[in-house]
Amino acid sequence: MRLILGSINGDYLMDLLEGAKGVSEGQRVTEGVWAAVAYATSARDSRSLIEWCFGNEVPLRFWGRLDEDVPVSIEILNRFLSCKSPNYVCKLVERHHAKVIWWRGYGVYVGSANLTYSAWNSNVEAGCFFPEAEIDTAFDGDLRSFFRQLDEHATPLTEELRDLMIIRARSLELGKVPSGAFWKHPSLNRWSGLVRTSRRAAIDRRRLEFLAEWHSTLQLLRSIGQVVSDEANRPSWVSAQASSGAQADQFLHAHYYHRTFDGRRANYEQHFESNRSRPEQAQQEAIAWWRALPSAPTGEDRAINETAPVLRRMLEEESLRAMTEADFRRVAQDVHAMREFARRVPNQTVRLKTDGTPYTIPEKLDALCAHIWNNRSANGARVNEVVRHVLYGGAEDRVPERLWDAVADPQWKLECMGISAFGEMVGWAMPDRFPPRNGRTSKALRSLGYPVHVHVT
């Protein structure tokens, strides 16, 4: 975590933009921005974020405040309307006073700064920045709930809403303060705001939301596995004995990396907007592409035919009981989510030098695995025991519930082990019942038009 205090400590919001613009392993660090910031006063003042997104072709979803004082300027509303792209969405929300910016893939800022020139350059503002690697599943769940709540009560930007704001802005300039007519406009989505809820109730709600989404996506992955493993759709280089879950995972892997990227960025959200009304047709087109491949484009044949059976054996209950640190490292090297997390995890978290020493991904994965292996959950369990609990700690159909426990229950939770790592391990251990699922799986499904959640870690 970093404190963003501007001139007080020399850490500015503009510095975050520079970091978010970077490239790692040939891919852009930031895949899109979700920004819920109440006030944005002009194009010049918002250049630090809104114009940065437009200028760098970074998709942006922006939620501003809705009230009669025109908290989001006409200039900004026109900027969104003029681009005519599903990659840039603006909505206004009554009772909204938050300042939260999530550079997806890079990290999230929570603080006091609005999108104004003075807030980003001269005001005394205070906030915290959490790198993506520090956003655990509970934090991720809270963030998603926050943005979902805003979105449910938002008024989408239309020309009618923009025109209403123009009329109101002119009234304010003329000193006409009464605003009763403003709120009677039919385009506005009125909202009375939130009611108080207990922490226990909020946790229970997140758990139910997680399980509902996980089960629906699970059934979707099972269906895809059945289709791609059918002899009529299976490429010649995939073994007939390969599990349907492994085939679904690698089909989505190939589709994601070869059919959604535009240069260094995966445009899965743009594909989602194009395919959300035709997911079945989009899936059929992707499967036709897959079955016609004369060879595996990025090692999917090895993953399906060789790696998947090895992982399945190493994640059997008795193998987990006898697992060593070296065994855990062997599993981790073939878990996509863990390799991705190793790439992003701060050096200091895994006890590597922070003096600028460059580390390879295998070196960072070594450090990450050692860090995880030497940690214990609150109930004293090592990572192999937590994985064993998830997989074999009760009835098989309750695996998703134990999966939630592993990432949300303090008794089982382990630092640096997130939902994608556990979801993938469950999939490699029980691929036909629970196909592997990680962040990349979810992005691929969204690109086909399916409204699934993309979990951060």
Protein backbone atom coordinates (compact mmCIF):
# COMPACT_ATOMS: atom_id res chain seq x y z
CA MET A 1 0.00 0.00 0.00
CA ARG A 2 1.11 3.57 -0.72
CA LEU A 3 -0.10 6.78 0.85
CA ILE A 4 -0.89 9.32 -1.88
CA LEU A 5 -0.44 12.73 -0.25
CA GLY A 6 0.84 14.85 -3.12
CA SER A 7 3.34 17.52 -2.08
CA ILE A 8 3.26 16.32 1.51
CA ASN A 9 5.15 13.09 0.74
CA GLY A 10 6.00 13.47 -2.96
CA ASP A 11 3.58 10.71 -4.05
CA TYR A 12 1.10 12.08 -6.61
CA LEU A 13 -1.91 10.66 -8.40
CA MET A 14 -0.13 11.49 -11.66
CA ASP A 15 2.57 8.99 -10.66
CA LEU A 16 -0.07 6.25 -10.66
CA LEU A 17 -0.96 7.09 -14.25
CA GLU A 18 2.64 6.57 -15.30
CA GLY A 19 2.77 3.16 -13.62
CA ALA A 20 -0.61 2.13 -15.02
CA LYS A 21 0.65 2.88 -18.54
CA GLY A 22 3.38 0.25 -18.34
CA VAL A 23 3.81 -3.06 -20.16
CA SER A 24 4.65 -6.43 -18.58
CA GLU A 25 5.53 -9.57 -20.53
CA GLY A 26 4.27 -8.02 -23.74
CA GLN A 27 0.87 -7.05 -22.27
CA ARG A 28 -0.36 -3.72 -21.01
CA VAL A 29 -0.57 -3.53 -17.24
CA THR A 30 -4.00 -1.87 -17.22
CA GLU A 31 -6.82 -3.55 -19.11
CA GLY A 32 -9.40 -0.90 -18.21
CA VAL A 33 -10.40 1.66 -15.59
CA TRP A 34 -13.43 1.76 -13.31
CA ALA A 35 -13.71 5.21 -11.76
CA ALA A 36 -16.37 6.27 -9.27
CA VAL A 37 -15.54 9.91 -8.59
CA ALA A 38 -18.26 12.36 -7.62
CA TYR A 39 -16.98 15.60 -9.18
CA ALA A 40 -15.31 16.16 -12.54
CA THR A 41 -15.39 19.80 -13.51
CA SER A 42 -13.80 20.26 -16.95
CA ALA A 43 -11.88 18.52 -19.71
CA ARG A 44 -8.71 20.30 -18.64
CA ASP A 45 -9.16 19.32 -15.01
CA SER A 46 -9.94 15.70 -15.85
CA ARG A 47 -7.04 15.26 -18.23
CA SER A 48 -5.21 13.43 -15.47
CA LEU A 49 -7.60 10.48 -15.80
CA ILE A 50 -10.41 10.76 -18.35
CA GLU A 51 -8.26 12.15 -21.12
CA TRP A 52 -5.49 9.71 -20.16
CA CYS A 53 -7.91 6.84 -20.80
CA PHE A 54 -9.04 8.26 -24.14
CA GLY A 55 -5.51 9.14 -25.19
CA ASN A 56 -4.07 5.73 -24.33
CA GLU A 57 -7.09 3.78 -25.63
CA VAL A 58 -7.79 2.36 -22.18
CA PRO A 59 -11.46 1.39 -21.71
CA LEU A 60 -13.17 3.49 -19.04
CA ARG A 61 -16.35 3.08 -17.00
CA PHE A 62 -17.05 6.30 -15.11
CA TRP A 63 -19.68 6.97 -12.44
CA GLY A 64 -20.09 10.64 -11.51
CA ARG A 65 -22.48 12.36 -9.13
CA LEU A 66 -26.03 13.26 -10.13
CA ASP A 67 -27.51 16.41 -8.64
CA GLU A 68 -28.85 19.81 -9.64
CA ASP A 69 -25.47 21.52 -9.19
CA VAL A 70 -24.05 19.83 -12.32
CA PRO A 71 -21.10 18.11 -10.58
CA VAL A 72 -19.87 16.58 -13.86
CA SER A 73 -19.24 19.25 -16.44
CA ILE A 74 -21.02 19.49 -19.78
CA GLU A 75 -17.63 19.30 -21.48
CA ILE A 76 -17.00 15.85 -20.01
CA LEU A 77 -20.50 14.62 -20.82
CA ASN A 78 -19.98 15.72 -24.43
CA ARG A 79 -16.61 13.94 -24.49
CA PHE A 80 -18.26 10.62 -23.68
CA LEU A 81 -21.18 11.15 -26.03
CA SER A 82 -18.93 12.08 -28.95
CA CYS A 83 -16.74 8.96 -28.77
CA LYS A 84 -19.66 6.59 -29.52
CA SER A 85 -17.78 3.56 -28.21
CA PRO A 86 -18.85 0.81 -25.78
CA ASN A 87 -15.34 1.07 -24.32
CA TYR A 88 -16.19 4.45 -22.75
CA VAL A 89 -19.25 4.54 -20.51
CA CYS A 90 -20.46 7.40 -18.32
CA LYS A 91 -23.27 7.17 -15.75
CA LEU A 92 -24.44 9.56 -13.04
CA VAL A 93 -25.59 8.47 -9.58
CA GLU A 94 -27.58 10.33 -6.93
CA ARG A 95 -26.16 10.25 -3.34
CA HIS A 96 -22.71 9.37 -4.72
CA HIS A 97 -19.78 11.07 -2.99
CA ALA A 98 -17.01 8.46 -3.38
CA LYS A 99 -13.54 8.82 -4.93
CA VAL A 100 -12.44 5.36 -6.02
CA ILE A 101 -10.32 4.62 -9.11
CA TRP A 102 -9.58 1.02 -10.07
CA TRP A 103 -6.94 0.57 -12.77
CA ARG A 104 -7.88 -3.04 -13.52
CA GLY A 105 -4.72 -5.14 -13.41
CA TYR A 106 -2.67 -2.39 -11.74
CA GLY A 107 -4.37 -1.34 -8.52
CA VAL A 108 -7.00 0.79 -6.80
CA TYR A 109 -6.94 4.28 -5.30
CA VAL A 110 -9.35 5.16 -2.49
CA GLY A 111 -9.12 8.71 -1.22
CA SER A 112 -10.45 12.25 -1.25
CA ALA A 113 -9.45 13.54 -4.70
CA ASN A 114 -12.09 14.45 -7.26
CA LEU A 115 -11.29 14.71 -10.97
CA THR A 116 -10.36 18.37 -10.82
CA TYR A 117 -7.13 20.12 -11.64
CA SER A 118 -6.73 21.43 -8.09
CA ALA A 119 -7.41 18.02 -6.52
CA TRP A 120 -4.69 16.38 -8.60
CA ASN A 121 -2.16 19.19 -8.38
CA SER A 122 -2.51 21.67 -5.51
CA ASN A 123 -5.15 20.69 -2.93
CA VAL A 124 -4.31 18.87 0.29
CA GLU A 125 -5.74 15.43 -0.54
CA ALA A 126 -5.18 12.08 1.12
CA GLY A 127 -5.66 8.58 -0.19
CA CYS A 128 -4.30 5.06 -0.33
CA PHE A 129 -3.22 3.06 -3.36
CA PHE A 130 -3.39 -0.74 -3.19
CA PRO A 131 -1.45 -2.60 -5.93
CA GLU A 132 -3.44 -5.34 -7.64
CA ALA A 133 -1.37 -7.99 -5.88
CA GLU A 134 -2.63 -6.72 -2.51
CA ILE A 135 -6.32 -6.89 -3.43
CA ASP A 136 -7.50 -10.15 -1.90
CA THR A 137 -10.82 -11.84 -2.62
CA ALA A 138 -12.73 -10.11 0.19
CA PHE A 139 -11.42 -6.69 -0.93
CA ASP A 140 -12.21 -7.60 -4.53
CA GLY A 141 -15.71 -8.62 -3.48
CA ASP A 142 -16.28 -5.35 -1.66
CA LEU A 143 -15.07 -3.36 -4.66
CA ARG A 144 -17.36 -5.25 -7.01
CA SER A 145 -20.31 -4.78 -4.64
CA PHE A 146 -19.54 -1.06 -4.48
CA PHE A 147 -19.46 -0.60 -8.26
CA ARG A 148 -22.45 -2.88 -8.75
CA GLN A 149 -24.48 -0.87 -6.24
CA LEU A 150 -23.65 2.37 -8.05
CA ASP A 151 -24.45 0.85 -11.42
CA GLU A 152 -27.83 -0.48 -10.29
CA HIS A 153 -28.93 3.01 -9.25
CA ALA A 154 -27.21 5.02 -11.98
CA THR A 155 -28.70 7.11 -14.76
CA PRO A 156 -26.96 6.29 -18.07
CA LEU A 157 -25.63 9.25 -20.01
CA THR A 158 -27.90 10.18 -22.92
CA GLU A 159 -28.30 13.28 -25.01
CA GLU A 160 -31.47 13.99 -23.01
CA LEU A 161 -29.55 13.88 -19.72
CA ARG A 162 -26.81 16.08 -21.18
CA ASP A 163 -29.42 18.60 -22.39
CA LEU A 164 -31.04 18.65 -18.95
CA MET A 165 -27.66 19.43 -17.43
CA ILE A 166 -27.08 22.23 -19.94
CA ILE A 167 -30.40 23.84 -18.97
CA ARG A 168 -29.59 23.48 -15.28
CA ALA A 169 -26.08 24.92 -15.71
CA ARG A 170 -27.52 27.99 -17.46
CA SER A 171 -30.05 28.44 -14.65
CA LEU A 172 -27.25 28.38 -12.09
CA GLU A 173 -25.30 30.97 -14.06
CA LEU A 174 -28.35 33.22 -13.95
CA GLY A 175 -28.76 32.71 -10.22
CA LYS A 176 -31.95 30.65 -10.54
CA VAL A 177 -31.52 28.31 -7.59
CA PRO A 178 -34.87 26.40 -7.28
CA SER A 179 -34.43 22.87 -8.61
CA GLY A 180 -37.79 21.14 -8.22
CA ALA A 181 -38.34 20.81 -11.96
CA PHE A 182 -34.90 19.23 -12.38
CA TRP A 183 -35.82 16.12 -10.38
CA LYS A 184 -39.08 15.63 -12.25
CA HIS A 185 -37.31 14.88 -15.52
CA PRO A 186 -38.24 11.33 -16.69
CA SER A 187 -34.65 10.40 -17.65
CA LEU A 188 -33.43 10.45 -14.03
CA ASN A 189 -33.10 7.27 -11.98
CA ARG A 190 -33.91 8.47 -8.44
CA TRP A 191 -32.24 6.82 -5.44
CA SER A 192 -32.71 7.51 -1.75
CA GLY A 193 -29.28 6.09 -0.83
CA LEU A 194 -28.05 3.17 1.26
CA VAL A 195 -29.45 1.85 4.54
CA ARG A 196 -27.24 0.70 7.39
CA THR A 197 -26.32 -2.99 7.41
CA SER A 198 -24.27 -5.11 9.79
CA ARG A 199 -20.85 -6.45 8.83
CA ARG A 200 -22.14 -10.00 9.30
CA ALA A 201 -25.04 -9.36 6.91
CA ALA A 202 -22.66 -7.83 4.34
CA ILE A 203 -20.34 -10.86 4.55
CA ASP A 204 -23.26 -13.27 4.18
CA ARG A 205 -24.52 -11.32 1.16
CA ARG A 206 -21.08 -11.45 -0.52
CA ARG A 207 -20.87 -15.18 0.16
CA LEU A 208 -24.26 -15.83 -1.43
CA GLU A 209 -23.43 -13.61 -4.40
CA PHE A 210 -20.12 -15.42 -4.88
CA LEU A 211 -21.68 -18.89 -4.71
CA ALA A 212 -24.52 -17.98 -7.09
CA GLU A 213 -22.10 -16.60 -9.68
CA TRP A 214 -19.58 -19.43 -9.21
CA HIS A 215 -22.22 -22.15 -9.67
CA SER A 216 -23.70 -20.54 -12.78
CA THR A 217 -20.26 -20.15 -14.35
CA LEU A 218 -19.35 -23.69 -13.30
CA GLN A 219 -22.27 -25.09 -15.26
CA LEU A 220 -21.29 -22.97 -18.25
CA LEU A 221 -17.74 -24.38 -18.15
CA ARG A 222 -19.09 -27.93 -17.89
CA SER A 223 -21.23 -27.37 -20.97
CA ILE A 224 -18.29 -25.97 -22.94
CA GLY A 225 -16.18 -28.95 -21.84
CA GLN A 226 -18.78 -31.39 -23.14
CA VAL A 227 -18.94 -29.61 -26.50
CA VAL A 228 -15.20 -29.19 -27.13
CA SER A 229 -14.42 -32.76 -26.02
CA ASP A 230 -16.90 -34.19 -28.49
CA GLU A 231 -15.06 -36.06 -31.22
CA ALA A 232 -16.52 -33.76 -33.87
CA ASN A 233 -14.96 -30.70 -32.18
CA ARG A 234 -11.73 -32.11 -30.75
CA PRO A 235 -8.58 -31.08 -32.65
CA SER A 236 -6.44 -33.94 -33.90
CA TRP A 237 -3.64 -33.09 -31.45
CA VAL A 238 -5.86 -33.54 -28.35
CA SER A 239 -5.96 -37.01 -26.81
CA ALA A 240 -9.33 -38.73 -26.77
CA GLN A 241 -8.66 -39.63 -23.12
CA ALA A 242 -8.16 -36.00 -22.05
CA SER A 243 -10.59 -34.70 -19.45
CA SER A 244 -13.37 -32.44 -20.68
CA GLY A 245 -12.47 -29.83 -18.06
CA ALA A 246 -8.86 -29.58 -19.24
CA GLN A 247 -10.07 -29.24 -22.83
CA ALA A 248 -12.49 -26.45 -21.87
CA ASP A 249 -9.71 -24.61 -20.03
CA GLN A 250 -7.24 -24.78 -22.90
CA PHE A 251 -9.86 -23.97 -25.53
CA LEU A 252 -10.59 -20.77 -23.58
CA HIS A 253 -6.84 -20.17 -23.13
CA ALA A 254 -6.22 -20.30 -26.88
CA HIS A 255 -9.30 -18.23 -27.69
CA TYR A 256 -8.32 -15.53 -25.18
CA TYR A 257 -4.73 -15.11 -26.35
CA HIS A 258 -5.36 -15.43 -30.07
CA ARG A 259 -8.82 -13.99 -30.66
CA THR A 260 -9.30 -11.15 -28.15
CA PHE A 261 -5.99 -9.28 -28.21
CA ASP A 262 -5.43 -6.01 -30.02
CA GLY A 263 -1.69 -5.50 -29.86
CA ARG A 264 -0.76 -5.70 -26.18
CA ARG A 265 -4.27 -5.41 -24.77
CA ALA A 266 -7.02 -7.99 -24.50
CA ASN A 267 -10.20 -6.29 -25.66
CA TYR A 268 -12.42 -8.83 -23.96
CA GLU A 269 -14.86 -6.16 -22.73
CA GLN A 270 -15.33 -4.84 -26.26
CA HIS A 271 -15.96 -8.39 -27.45
CA PHE A 272 -18.43 -8.80 -24.57
CA GLU A 273 -20.43 -5.79 -25.74
CA SER A 274 -20.48 -7.20 -29.27
CA ASN A 275 -21.42 -10.75 -28.22
CA ARG A 276 -23.64 -10.27 -25.16
CA SER A 277 -26.77 -10.70 -27.31
CA ARG A 278 -25.30 -13.71 -29.19
CA PRO A 279 -23.08 -15.76 -26.82
CA GLU A 280 -24.08 -19.12 -28.27
CA GLN A 281 -23.21 -18.02 -31.80
CA ALA A 282 -19.91 -16.48 -30.61
CA GLN A 283 -19.06 -19.72 -28.84
CA GLN A 284 -19.83 -21.78 -31.94
CA GLU A 285 -17.57 -19.55 -34.03
CA ALA A 286 -14.74 -19.94 -31.51
CA ILE A 287 -15.16 -23.72 -31.41
CA ALA A 288 -15.09 -23.90 -35.21
CA TRP A 289 -11.79 -21.99 -35.11
CA TRP A 290 -10.46 -24.33 -32.39
CA ARG A 291 -11.29 -27.64 -34.10
CA ALA A 292 -9.71 -26.46 -37.36
CA LEU A 293 -6.33 -25.68 -35.77
CA PRO A 294 -3.66 -27.97 -37.30
CA SER A 295 -1.49 -27.61 -34.18
CA ALA A 296 -1.67 -26.07 -30.73
CA PRO A 297 -1.02 -22.30 -30.99
CA THR A 298 0.58 -21.84 -27.55
CA GLY A 299 1.34 -25.21 -25.99
CA GLU A 300 -2.25 -26.23 -25.30
CA ASP A 301 -1.46 -29.79 -26.44
CA ARG A 302 1.15 -30.22 -23.69
CA ALA A 303 -1.16 -28.66 -21.10
CA ILE A 304 -4.02 -31.02 -22.00
CA ASN A 305 -2.17 -34.26 -22.76
CA GLU A 306 0.80 -34.09 -20.39
CA THR A 307 0.51 -31.45 -17.66
CA ALA A 308 -3.14 -32.00 -16.69
CA PRO A 309 -2.71 -35.70 -15.74
CA VAL A 310 0.40 -34.88 -13.67
CA LEU A 311 -1.40 -32.12 -11.76
CA ARG A 312 -4.36 -34.41 -11.14
CA ARG A 313 -2.08 -36.99 -9.48
CA MET A 314 -0.21 -34.38 -7.45
CA LEU A 315 -3.48 -32.99 -6.11
CA GLU A 316 -4.92 -36.32 -4.97
CA GLU A 317 -5.68 -36.46 -1.25
CA GLU A 318 -2.76 -38.70 -0.31
CA SER A 319 -0.38 -36.66 -2.46
CA LEU A 320 -1.46 -33.53 -0.63
CA ARG A 321 -0.89 -35.21 2.75
CA ALA A 322 2.69 -36.02 1.76
CA MET A 323 3.35 -32.81 -0.20
CA THR A 324 6.72 -31.08 0.27
CA GLU A 325 7.67 -27.52 -0.54
CA ALA A 326 9.34 -28.76 -3.74
CA ASP A 327 6.10 -30.53 -4.71
CA PHE A 328 4.13 -27.35 -4.11
CA ARG A 329 6.55 -25.43 -6.31
CA ARG A 330 6.12 -28.08 -9.00
CA VAL A 331 2.34 -27.64 -8.90
CA ALA A 332 2.59 -23.84 -8.88
CA GLN A 333 4.64 -23.67 -12.08
CA ASP A 334 1.69 -25.14 -13.99
CA VAL A 335 -0.99 -23.07 -12.29
CA HIS A 336 -1.48 -20.07 -14.56
CA ALA A 337 -2.93 -17.88 -11.79
CA MET A 338 0.11 -18.40 -9.59
CA ARG A 339 2.55 -17.56 -12.38
CA GLU A 340 0.55 -14.41 -13.10
CA PHE A 341 0.48 -13.43 -9.44
CA ALA A 342 4.23 -14.05 -9.12
CA ARG A 343 4.76 -11.57 -11.95
CA ARG A 344 2.80 -8.86 -10.08
CA VAL A 345 3.57 -9.51 -6.42
CA PRO A 346 5.70 -6.76 -4.81
CA ASN A 347 9.27 -7.89 -4.14
CA GLN A 348 9.09 -6.89 -0.48
CA THR A 349 6.05 -9.13 0.08
CA VAL A 350 8.05 -12.23 -0.85
CA ARG A 351 11.30 -11.05 0.75
CA LEU A 352 13.15 -10.16 -2.43
CA LYS A 353 15.44 -7.14 -2.72
CA THR A 354 13.70 -3.84 -3.44
CA ASP A 355 16.79 -2.08 -4.77
CA GLY A 356 15.84 -2.46 -8.43
CA THR A 357 17.35 -5.93 -8.83
CA PRO A 358 15.60 -7.57 -11.83
CA TYR A 359 14.05 -10.97 -11.21
CA THR A 360 12.77 -13.52 -13.70
CA ILE A 361 9.29 -14.98 -13.34
CA PRO A 362 10.70 -18.36 -12.17
CA GLU A 363 12.74 -16.54 -9.51
CA LYS A 364 9.70 -14.64 -8.32
CA LEU A 365 7.65 -17.83 -8.35
CA ASP A 366 10.32 -19.50 -6.19
CA ALA A 367 10.05 -16.66 -3.68
CA LEU A 368 6.24 -16.65 -3.78
CA CYS A 369 6.00 -20.40 -3.18
CA ALA A 370 8.47 -20.24 -0.29
CA HIS A 371 6.48 -17.38 1.23
CA ILE A 372 3.17 -19.25 0.94
CA TRP A 373 4.62 -22.58 2.13
CA ASN A 374 6.12 -21.04 5.26
CA ASN A 375 2.90 -19.23 6.20
CA ARG A 376 0.06 -20.78 8.16
CA SER A 377 -3.64 -19.96 8.34
CA ALA A 378 -5.17 -18.87 11.65
CA ASN A 379 -6.04 -22.50 12.43
CA GLY A 380 -2.43 -23.58 11.79
CA ALA A 381 -2.92 -25.13 8.35
CA ARG A 382 -0.19 -25.05 5.72
CA VAL A 383 -1.17 -24.47 2.08
CA ASN A 384 -1.35 -28.19 1.19
CA GLU A 385 -3.73 -28.70 4.14
CA VAL A 386 -5.90 -25.78 3.03
CA VAL A 387 -6.08 -27.21 -0.50
CA ARG A 388 -6.90 -30.64 0.95
CA HIS A 389 -9.69 -29.09 3.02
CA VAL A 390 -11.15 -27.42 -0.08
CA LEU A 391 -11.02 -30.57 -2.17
CA TYR A 392 -11.66 -33.36 0.32
CA GLY A 393 -12.92 -31.74 3.53
CA GLY A 394 -16.53 -32.82 3.04
CA ALA A 395 -19.10 -33.66 0.41
CA GLU A 396 -17.87 -33.10 -3.13
CA ASP A 397 -20.83 -30.93 -4.05
CA ARG A 398 -19.85 -28.51 -1.26
CA VAL A 399 -16.44 -27.74 -2.80
CA PRO A 400 -17.49 -24.21 -3.88
CA GLU A 401 -18.48 -23.39 -0.28
CA ARG A 402 -15.10 -24.58 1.03
CA LEU A 403 -13.47 -22.62 -1.79
CA TRP A 404 -15.10 -19.48 -0.37
CA ASP A 405 -13.85 -20.43 3.11
CA ALA A 406 -10.28 -20.65 1.80
CA VAL A 407 -10.30 -17.05 0.58
CA ALA A 408 -12.71 -15.35 2.98
CA ASP A 409 -12.71 -17.19 6.32
CA PRO A 410 -9.82 -15.94 8.55
CA GLN A 411 -9.44 -19.48 9.91
CA TRP A 412 -8.44 -20.82 6.49
CA LYS A 413 -7.18 -17.77 4.61
CA LEU A 414 -3.52 -17.65 3.49
CA GLU A 415 -1.65 -14.56 2.33
CA CYS A 416 -0.98 -14.53 -1.44
CA MET A 417 -3.41 -17.37 -2.21
CA GLY A 418 -6.46 -16.05 -4.04
CA ILE A 419 -9.62 -17.38 -5.64
CA SER A 420 -8.04 -17.89 -9.07
CA ALA A 421 -5.21 -20.07 -7.70
CA PHE A 422 -7.62 -22.21 -5.66
CA GLY A 423 -10.17 -22.33 -8.47
CA GLU A 424 -7.54 -23.57 -10.87
CA MET A 425 -6.20 -26.20 -8.46
CA VAL A 426 -9.71 -27.49 -7.84
CA GLY A 427 -10.11 -27.75 -11.61
CA TRP A 428 -6.91 -29.69 -12.14
CA ALA A 429 -7.77 -32.06 -9.29
CA MET A 430 -11.41 -32.64 -10.38
CA PRO A 431 -11.50 -31.41 -14.00
CA ASP A 432 -14.68 -33.14 -15.11
CA ARG A 433 -16.77 -32.08 -12.09
CA PHE A 434 -15.16 -28.67 -11.55
CA PRO A 435 -13.34 -27.40 -14.69
CA PRO A 436 -10.39 -25.07 -13.93
CA ARG A 437 -11.33 -21.43 -13.48
CA ASN A 438 -9.07 -18.40 -13.09
CA GLY A 439 -9.10 -14.76 -14.15
CA ARG A 440 -8.11 -15.59 -17.71
CA THR A 441 -10.92 -18.18 -17.96
CA SER A 442 -13.45 -15.54 -16.91
CA LYS A 443 -12.10 -12.97 -19.37
CA ALA A 444 -12.39 -15.49 -22.20
CA LEU A 445 -15.99 -16.27 -21.21
CA ARG A 446 -16.83 -12.56 -21.09
CA SER A 447 -15.34 -12.10 -24.56
CA LEU A 448 -17.87 -14.69 -25.79
CA GLY A 449 -20.70 -12.60 -24.34
CA TYR A 450 -21.25 -14.36 -21.01
CA PRO A 451 -21.79 -11.98 -18.02
CA VAL A 452 -19.36 -13.66 -15.62
CA HIS A 453 -17.21 -11.98 -12.97
CA VAL A 454 -13.47 -11.56 -13.47
CA HIS A 455 -11.89 -12.15 -10.07
CA VAL A 456 -8.71 -10.20 -9.42
CA THR A 457 -6.53 -12.87 -7.74
